[in-house]
Protein backbone atom coordinates (compact mmCIF):
# COMPACT_ATOMS: atom_id res chain seq x y z
CA MET A 1 0.08 -0.08 -0.48
CA SER A 2 1.36 3.57 -0.64
CA GLY A 3 1.30 6.80 0.86
CA PRO A 4 -2.18 8.71 1.89
CA LEU A 5 -4.65 9.36 -0.71
CA THR A 6 -4.56 13.07 -1.49
CA GLU A 7 -7.91 14.72 -1.52
CA GLN A 8 -7.20 15.22 -5.53
CA GLU A 9 -6.62 11.85 -6.30
CA LEU A 10 -9.93 10.47 -4.58
CA ARG A 11 -12.27 13.24 -6.47
CA ALA A 12 -10.83 12.64 -9.38
CA ALA A 13 -11.97 8.90 -9.00
CA HIS A 14 -15.10 9.97 -7.58
CA CYS A 15 -14.27 8.85 -3.75
CA TRP A 16 -14.23 11.65 -1.37
CA ASP A 17 -16.79 11.83 0.66
CA ASN A 18 -16.88 12.89 3.95
CA GLU A 19 -18.52 10.06 5.68
CA ASP A 20 -14.90 7.95 5.79
CA HIS A 21 -13.58 10.83 8.07
CA VAL A 22 -13.47 9.43 11.97
CA PRO A 23 -12.60 11.92 14.17
CA ARG A 24 -9.17 12.10 15.88
CA GLN A 25 -8.48 8.90 13.89
CA PRO A 26 -6.14 9.61 10.66
CA ALA A 27 -5.18 5.93 10.34
CA LEU A 28 -8.45 4.29 10.11
CA THR A 29 -9.62 7.50 7.78
CA GLU A 30 -6.79 7.05 5.43
CA PHE A 31 -7.78 2.89 5.60
CA ARG A 32 -11.41 4.29 5.30
CA ARG A 33 -11.01 5.61 2.42
CA ARG A 34 -8.34 3.36 1.06
CA LEU A 35 -11.30 0.94 0.56
CA ARG A 36 -13.90 3.05 -1.04
CA TYR A 37 -10.90 4.07 -3.57
CA HIS A 38 -9.52 0.29 -3.89
CA GLN A 39 -13.28 -0.18 -5.02
CA ALA A 40 -13.15 2.45 -7.29
CA GLN A 41 -10.38 0.90 -9.11
CA TRP A 42 -12.09 -2.53 -8.90
CA ARG A 43 -14.84 -1.49 -10.71
CA GLU A 44 -13.49 0.20 -13.42
CA ALA A 45 -10.59 -3.00 -13.71
CA HIS A 46 -14.01 -5.03 -14.66
CA GLY A 47 -15.40 -2.27 -16.52
CA HIS A 48 -18.86 -2.01 -14.90
CA PRO A 49 -20.00 1.25 -15.08
CA ILE A 50 -19.76 3.90 -12.30
CA GLY A 51 -22.39 4.49 -9.56
CA THR A 52 -24.45 7.47 -8.14
CA GLN A 53 -25.98 8.71 -4.60
CA PRO A 54 -28.55 8.70 -4.74
CA ILE A 55 -28.81 5.36 -5.71
CA VAL A 56 -31.92 5.56 -7.82
CA PRO A 57 -31.44 9.06 -8.68
CA LYS A 58 -34.47 11.19 -8.82
CA SER A 59 -35.81 12.72 -11.94
CA ASN A 60 -37.09 15.86 -10.02
CA ALA A 61 -33.91 16.31 -8.04
CA GLY A 62 -31.30 17.93 -10.14
CA PRO A 63 -27.85 16.01 -11.20
CA ALA A 64 -26.91 12.83 -9.02
CA ARG A 65 -23.73 13.06 -7.78
CA LEU A 66 -21.47 10.61 -8.70
CA VAL A 67 -19.59 7.28 -5.91
CA GLY A 68 -16.49 5.38 -7.56
CA SER A 69 -17.72 2.77 -4.84
CA ARG A 70 -21.64 2.67 -6.87
CA ILE A 71 -22.95 0.82 -9.75
CA PRO A 72 -25.79 0.85 -11.40
CA LEU A 73 -28.74 -0.34 -9.39
CA ASP A 74 -30.52 -2.07 -12.46
CA TYR A 75 -27.03 -2.89 -14.07
CA GLY A 76 -26.06 -5.01 -10.47
CA ARG A 77 -29.26 -6.38 -10.56
CA ASP A 78 -29.37 -7.40 -13.88
CA ARG A 79 -25.55 -8.71 -14.10
CA GLY A 80 -24.97 -9.85 -10.13
CA ALA A 81 -22.29 -7.31 -10.59
CA ASN A 82 -21.59 -7.04 -7.15
CA PHE A 83 -20.98 -10.68 -6.70
CA LEU A 84 -17.44 -12.36 -6.99
CA THR A 85 -19.52 -16.22 -8.27
CA GLY A 86 -22.65 -17.52 -9.51
CA ARG A 87 -23.00 -19.13 -5.92
CA ALA A 88 -22.98 -16.01 -4.28
CA TRP A 89 -24.99 -14.04 -6.94
CA GLU A 90 -27.41 -16.76 -6.71
CA ALA A 91 -27.54 -16.94 -2.79
CA ALA A 92 -28.29 -13.25 -2.85
CA LYS A 93 -31.19 -14.20 -5.19
CA GLU A 94 -32.14 -16.73 -3.18
CA ARG A 95 -32.35 -14.70 -0.09
CA THR A 96 -34.07 -11.55 -1.54
CA SER A 97 -36.40 -14.06 -2.76
CA TYR A 98 -38.37 -14.07 0.38
CA VAL A 99 -39.21 -11.52 3.50
CA GLU A 100 -38.91 -12.69 6.82
CA ARG A 101 -41.40 -11.21 9.25
CA HIS A 102 -40.53 -7.99 10.12
CA GLN A 103 -36.91 -7.77 7.97
CA SER A 104 -35.48 -4.25 7.64
CA PHE A 105 -33.26 -5.08 4.32
CA ASP A 106 -31.39 -2.69 2.11
CA HIS A 107 -32.47 -4.27 -1.30
CA GLN A 108 -30.36 -1.47 -3.18
CA ARG A 109 -26.91 -1.37 -1.59
CA LEU A 110 -27.16 -5.11 -1.54
CA TRP A 111 -27.05 -4.75 -5.85
CA ALA A 112 -24.84 -1.36 -5.99
CA ASP A 113 -23.14 -0.28 -3.05
CA LEU A 114 -19.54 -2.07 -3.69
CA LEU A 115 -18.40 -1.57 0.30
CA TRP A 116 -21.88 -3.03 1.51
CA SER A 117 -21.13 -6.05 3.94
CA PRO A 118 -23.77 -7.92 3.14
CA ALA A 119 -23.15 -8.29 0.13
CA LEU A 120 -19.54 -9.30 1.31
CA CYS A 121 -20.66 -11.58 3.40
CA PHE A 122 -22.31 -12.98 0.06
CA ASN A 123 -19.33 -12.94 -1.72
CA LEU A 124 -17.21 -14.53 1.50
CA PHE A 125 -19.61 -17.39 2.50
CA GLY A 126 -21.84 -17.91 -1.05
CA ASP A 127 -19.84 -20.77 -2.23
CA LEU A 128 -20.51 -23.05 0.45
CA THR A 129 -24.14 -22.64 0.23
CA ALA A 130 -23.36 -24.84 -2.91
CA ASP A 131 -22.82 -27.97 -0.59
CA HIS A 132 -23.46 -28.63 2.65
CA ARG A 133 -20.34 -31.02 3.12
CA SER A 134 -17.56 -28.24 1.98
CA ALA A 135 -19.60 -25.54 4.52
CA ASP A 136 -19.24 -28.44 6.81
CA ARG A 137 -15.63 -28.34 6.12
CA ALA A 138 -15.15 -24.85 6.01
CA LEU A 139 -16.44 -24.53 9.25
CA HIS A 140 -14.33 -26.85 11.44
CA THR A 141 -11.54 -25.21 9.71
CA TRP A 142 -12.00 -22.03 10.39
CA TRP A 143 -13.50 -23.18 14.49
CA PRO A 144 -12.32 -26.84 14.85
CA ASP A 145 -14.36 -26.86 18.11
CA VAL A 146 -17.67 -26.29 17.05
CA PRO A 147 -19.80 -29.28 17.60
CA GLY A 148 -22.16 -31.36 14.82
CA THR A 149 -22.42 -30.66 11.50
CA VAL A 150 -24.22 -27.83 8.75
CA SER A 151 -27.19 -29.02 7.96
CA GLU A 152 -28.40 -25.09 6.57
CA ILE A 153 -26.96 -21.69 6.05
CA ARG A 154 -29.10 -18.63 6.48
CA PHE A 155 -28.27 -15.13 5.34
CA ALA A 156 -29.82 -11.81 7.01
CA HIS A 157 -31.30 -13.56 9.89
CA SER A 158 -33.26 -13.46 12.73
CA PRO A 159 -35.04 -15.97 14.68
CA GLY A 160 -37.77 -13.79 15.28
CA ARG A 161 -37.76 -9.41 14.83
CA LEU A 162 -39.72 -7.82 17.44
CA ASP A 163 -40.73 -11.05 19.04
CA PRO A 164 -39.81 -10.77 22.71
CA ALA A 165 -39.10 -14.23 23.35
CA TYR A 166 -35.98 -13.14 21.76
CA LEU A 167 -35.17 -9.61 21.96
CA GLY A 168 -37.48 -7.81 20.15
CA ASN A 169 -35.92 -5.78 18.08
CA LEU A 170 -35.13 -5.63 14.46
CA VAL A 171 -31.35 -7.05 15.05
CA ASP A 172 -30.64 -10.08 12.87
CA PHE A 173 -27.20 -11.71 11.90
CA ASP A 174 -25.63 -11.76 8.04
CA VAL A 175 -24.85 -15.35 8.33
CA ALA A 176 -26.30 -17.94 10.58
CA PHE A 177 -24.72 -21.22 10.78
CA VAL A 178 -27.20 -23.71 11.45
CA LEU A 179 -26.14 -27.20 13.13
CA ASP A 180 -26.95 -30.55 13.87
CA LEU A 181 -25.94 -31.72 17.02
CA PRO A 182 -25.23 -35.62 17.68
CA ASP A 183 -27.69 -35.69 20.56
CA GLY A 184 -30.87 -33.96 17.68
CA THR A 185 -30.46 -30.63 19.14
CA ARG A 186 -29.35 -27.58 17.21
CA GLY A 187 -26.46 -25.12 16.98
CA ILE A 188 -25.51 -22.14 15.56
CA LEU A 189 -23.36 -20.20 14.48
CA ALA A 190 -23.85 -16.93 14.23
CA VAL A 191 -21.67 -14.26 11.59
CA THR A 192 -21.67 -10.13 11.94
CA THR A 193 -19.46 -9.00 8.95
CA ALA A 194 -17.75 -5.90 8.73
CA TYR A 195 -15.57 -4.18 6.18
CA HIS A 196 -15.75 -0.12 5.44
CA GLY A 197 -18.32 0.58 8.30
CA ILE A 198 -17.10 1.57 11.96
CA ASN A 199 -19.23 1.22 15.81
CA LYS A 200 -21.07 3.56 16.64
CA ARG A 201 -22.81 4.70 19.37
CA GLN A 202 -26.86 4.15 19.86
CA PRO A 203 -28.85 3.94 23.15
CA PRO A 204 -31.32 1.23 23.10
CA LYS A 205 -34.91 1.93 23.97
CA PRO A 206 -36.12 1.71 27.26
CA ALA A 207 -38.91 -0.23 27.04
CA ARG A 208 -36.21 -3.36 26.00
CA LEU A 209 -33.85 -3.12 28.07
CA PRO A 210 -35.52 -4.95 31.24
CA ARG A 211 -35.08 -8.02 28.41
CA TYR A 212 -32.05 -7.16 27.36
CA ARG A 213 -30.59 -7.30 30.95
CA GLN A 214 -32.56 -10.21 31.86
CA VAL A 215 -31.17 -12.79 28.73
CA SER A 216 -27.90 -10.77 29.81
CA GLU A 217 -27.63 -12.11 33.23
CA ARG A 218 -29.21 -15.07 33.02
CA SER A 219 -26.30 -16.12 30.10
CA GLY A 220 -23.80 -16.27 32.84
CA ALA A 221 -21.06 -14.81 29.98
CA PHE A 222 -20.50 -11.31 31.75
CA ALA A 223 -18.21 -9.81 34.21
CA ALA A 224 -21.34 -7.16 36.60
CA GLU A 225 -19.38 -4.17 34.83
CA ALA A 226 -20.20 -5.33 31.22
CA MET A 227 -23.80 -3.95 31.40
CA ASP A 228 -22.35 -0.19 32.21
CA ALA A 229 -19.22 -0.55 29.49
CA VAL A 230 -22.29 -2.08 26.86
CA ASN A 231 -24.80 -0.08 27.55
CA GLY A 232 -25.55 2.91 25.01
CA THR A 233 -21.60 3.05 23.89
CA HIS A 234 -20.04 1.81 20.59
CA LEU A 235 -19.84 -2.09 21.99
CA ILE A 236 -23.81 -1.84 21.60
CA HIS A 237 -24.36 -3.29 17.91
CA ILE A 238 -21.69 -6.51 19.14
CA TRP A 239 -23.87 -7.06 22.27
CA LEU A 240 -27.58 -6.97 20.79
CA ALA A 241 -25.86 -9.48 18.58
CA HIS A 242 -24.50 -11.88 21.20
CA VAL A 243 -27.33 -10.93 23.35
CA LEU A 244 -29.41 -12.77 20.13
CA VAL A 245 -27.38 -15.43 20.08
CA HIS A 246 -28.06 -16.27 24.52
CA SER A 247 -32.07 -15.30 23.45
CA MET A 248 -31.95 -18.58 22.06
CA LEU A 249 -30.61 -20.69 23.73
CA GLN A 250 -32.53 -19.93 26.52
CA ASN A 251 -35.92 -20.26 24.62
CA PRO A 252 -37.57 -22.97 26.10
CA ASP A 253 -39.82 -23.44 22.93
CA ASP A 254 -36.33 -24.25 21.06
CA ARG A 255 -34.17 -26.83 20.52
CA TRP A 256 -30.77 -24.84 20.62
CA THR A 257 -28.23 -26.02 22.74
CA TRP A 258 -25.27 -24.21 21.15
CA GLY A 259 -24.13 -20.98 19.72
CA ARG A 260 -21.37 -18.47 19.38
CA HIS A 261 -21.34 -14.85 17.13
CA VAL A 262 -18.25 -14.59 15.75
CA VAL A 263 -17.79 -10.93 13.58
CA VAL A 264 -15.44 -11.12 10.39
CA HIS A 265 -13.46 -7.61 9.85
CA PRO A 266 -10.42 -7.27 7.85
CA ALA A 267 -7.19 -6.51 10.24
CA GLY A 268 -6.73 -2.94 9.11
CA ASN A 269 -10.32 -1.52 10.56
CA SER A 270 -8.78 -0.69 14.08
CA ASP A 271 -12.10 0.24 15.03
CA PHE A 272 -13.77 -3.44 15.07
CA ALA A 273 -10.44 -4.82 16.11
CA ASN A 274 -10.44 -2.46 19.25
CA ALA A 275 -14.15 -2.92 20.09
CA CYS A 276 -14.11 -7.32 19.35
CA ALA A 277 -10.93 -7.14 22.11
CA GLU A 278 -12.45 -4.77 24.38
CA TYR A 279 -15.78 -6.41 24.14
CA ALA A 280 -14.35 -10.18 24.81
CA SER A 281 -12.81 -8.47 27.90
CA LEU A 282 -16.57 -8.10 29.33
CA LEU A 283 -16.45 -11.64 29.26
CA VAL A 284 -16.70 -13.71 32.25
CA GLU A 285 -17.63 -17.43 29.93
CA PRO A 286 -15.85 -16.03 26.04
CA SER A 287 -17.11 -19.61 24.45
CA THR A 288 -19.94 -18.00 22.88
CA PHE A 289 -18.07 -14.83 21.53
CA ALA A 290 -14.86 -14.85 19.18
CA SER A 291 -13.50 -12.61 16.24
CA ALA A 292 -11.59 -13.45 13.26
CA THR A 293 -10.09 -11.45 10.48
CA ILE A 294 -10.49 -11.67 7.11
CA GLU A 295 -7.38 -12.17 6.50
CA GLY A 296 -7.40 -14.85 8.56
CA LEU A 297 -10.49 -16.60 7.33
CA LEU A 298 -8.87 -16.79 3.84
CA ALA A 299 -5.42 -17.70 4.99
CA VAL A 300 -6.52 -21.62 5.38
CA ASP A 301 -7.63 -22.96 2.35
CA ALA A 302 -11.08 -23.38 3.17
CA LEU A 303 -12.30 -21.92 0.43
CA PRO A 304 -11.78 -22.81 -3.05
CA SER A 305 -9.07 -21.39 -4.03
CA ALA A 306 -10.34 -19.19 -7.03
CA THR A 307 -12.72 -17.64 -4.93
CA THR A 308 -10.14 -16.98 -1.93
CA VAL A 309 -8.01 -15.20 -5.04
CA ALA A 310 -11.06 -13.36 -6.35
CA PHE A 311 -12.24 -11.78 -3.19
CA ARG A 312 -8.34 -10.45 -1.81
CA GLU A 313 -8.53 -8.65 -5.13
CA ARG A 314 -11.70 -7.31 -4.68
CA TYR A 315 -11.52 -6.18 -0.53
CA LEU A 316 -8.29 -6.29 0.10
CA PRO A 317 -6.07 -3.40 -0.86
CA HIS A 318 -2.21 -4.50 -0.76
């Protein structure tokens, strides 16, 4: 990777975006700018047209702003240009063919935004949908202690959005691997993927906080000070996805007896790397949470070699 990108270079590639700036963190700001610029270069190298902000321009709103890290929506949807393999594209089409109850799913960004983490998730794990035996081998290569065998892969999945039997909110997992366990029960390895994004503070709604606290305390996973450290802080989104796993394990009507939440991020995303380390330090029983770098997952040859090469070219600037 060369030196810091200049504003002139970024503007020339339609990649100067104030959203990439992180106050008092120049290295993280540069990383986010580099990812956006890299996606624009990848798009141009593969002959894809440039997209806009908004993704679908409005005819009565004047000219749209060109965005180098996007492609036009119709082009992306028709050609699957945001996806690296046929299996990843098929998985995305299959997932967008149905609606889970109360789901909130940004279809426009899935097809048109090259930085969008849910699209990265399909590109990283989509090939595994072709064969559950391959998925099982990959999962146990990455996390050898995971029990059982993979029986299902669910993208953009929640066990029950707004369902009080779980958390009563809209949190979901980018992908969930359902496991058949030897005793006839089920396990779940639930993954959150991060790429260009960062963790932002968001206070939970007061009406839901008692349920979050109840599940957290019943889990036995958290240190006494954990609630104050996560509630309303930059760790809240990691916490809520993790607690959603525990709500599944605690639901007497389900057969979930094993679960883990895993956050997957690029090594250079220091915001997620630091947040995951900080979050892990709040756990007294850590077996239900883990984090991994994308580089680490790719290094162990769990995916088809052509997919690994294409993924590195697309998402990991050198």
